[in-house]
């Protein structure tokens, strides 16, 4: 490896949202990193999903791609 072209690789204290602390090595310029998301509050791990206006999206799709005639009448 060439000298002088790589960033410094230092120890960083990581604090997760649930208060868990760990130490990793990183090129981050700070000595400490705080995360707002971890396995206790991220939807992927908790299984709780936030659905945002799915009914509105379906209606928009139906209006945009509805066929003339019977299909358009059924959508209303």
Protein backbone atom coordinates (compact mmCIF):
# COMPACT_ATOMS: atom_id res chain seq x y z
CA UNK A 1 0.00 0.00 0.00
CA UNK A 2 1.18 3.49 -0.77
CA UNK A 3 1.90 5.68 2.22
CA UNK A 4 0.13 8.99 2.73
CA UNK A 5 -2.94 8.33 0.54
CA UNK A 6 -5.14 6.46 3.01
CA UNK A 7 -7.31 8.12 5.70
CA UNK A 8 -6.58 7.53 9.37
CA UNK A 9 -8.23 4.45 10.85
CA UNK A 10 -9.09 5.18 14.51
CA UNK A 11 -11.27 3.76 17.28
CA UNK A 12 -14.78 5.24 17.42
CA UNK A 13 -17.30 4.87 20.28
CA UNK A 14 -20.73 4.05 18.82
CA UNK A 15 -23.88 4.69 20.88
CA UNK A 16 -27.09 3.15 19.53
CA UNK A 17 -30.61 4.45 20.15
CA UNK A 18 -31.25 1.89 22.90
CA UNK A 19 -28.15 3.03 24.81
CA UNK A 20 -25.90 0.16 23.79
CA UNK A 21 -22.30 1.24 23.36
CA UNK A 22 -19.60 -0.44 21.34
CA UNK A 23 -16.22 0.44 19.94
CA UNK A 24 -15.31 0.02 16.28
CA UNK A 25 -12.53 1.12 13.99
CA UNK A 26 -13.51 3.69 11.38
CA UNK A 27 -12.26 6.47 9.16
CA UNK A 28 -14.86 8.79 10.71
CA UNK A 29 -13.27 12.06 11.78
CA UNK A 30 -14.97 12.05 15.22
CA UNK A 31 -14.24 9.94 18.29
CA UNK A 32 -17.94 9.31 18.93
CA UNK A 33 -20.97 8.42 16.78
CA UNK A 34 -24.62 8.42 17.91
CA UNK A 35 -27.15 6.43 15.91
CA UNK A 36 -30.88 7.22 15.91
CA UNK A 37 -31.77 3.85 14.39
CA UNK A 38 -30.97 0.35 15.60
CA UNK A 39 -32.58 -3.09 15.79
CA UNK A 40 -34.95 -2.02 18.59
CA UNK A 41 -36.67 0.72 16.60
CA UNK A 42 -36.08 0.03 12.89
CA UNK A 43 -39.16 -1.30 11.01
CA UNK A 44 -37.15 -4.07 9.33
CA UNK A 45 -36.32 -5.68 12.66
CA UNK A 46 -39.48 -4.83 14.61
CA UNK A 47 -41.94 -5.89 11.90
CA UNK A 48 -43.94 -2.69 12.36
CA UNK A 49 -44.36 -0.95 9.07
CA UNK A 50 -45.64 2.51 8.33
CA UNK A 51 -48.07 2.60 5.47
CA UNK A 52 -48.33 6.01 3.91
CA UNK A 53 -51.44 6.74 1.89
CA UNK A 54 -51.67 3.39 0.12
CA UNK A 55 -55.35 3.92 -0.68
CA UNK A 56 -54.52 7.19 -2.40
CA UNK A 57 -51.88 5.48 -4.51
CA UNK A 58 -54.32 2.80 -5.63
CA UNK A 59 -56.90 5.40 -6.59
CA UNK A 60 -54.31 7.39 -8.50
CA UNK A 61 -53.25 4.22 -10.36
CA UNK A 62 -56.86 3.35 -11.21
CA UNK A 63 -57.58 6.86 -12.46
CA UNK A 64 -54.47 6.94 -14.57
CA UNK A 65 -54.77 3.50 -16.15
CA UNK A 66 -58.52 2.86 -16.06
CA UNK A 67 -59.95 1.63 -19.34
CA UNK A 68 -62.85 3.48 -20.86
CA UNK A 69 -66.25 1.96 -20.37
CA UNK A 70 -67.05 -0.63 -17.71
CA UNK A 71 -63.69 -0.60 -15.92
CA UNK A 72 -63.87 3.18 -15.48
CA UNK A 73 -67.41 2.92 -14.07
CA UNK A 74 -66.37 0.18 -11.62
CA UNK A 75 -63.50 2.28 -10.30
CA UNK A 76 -65.93 5.04 -9.30
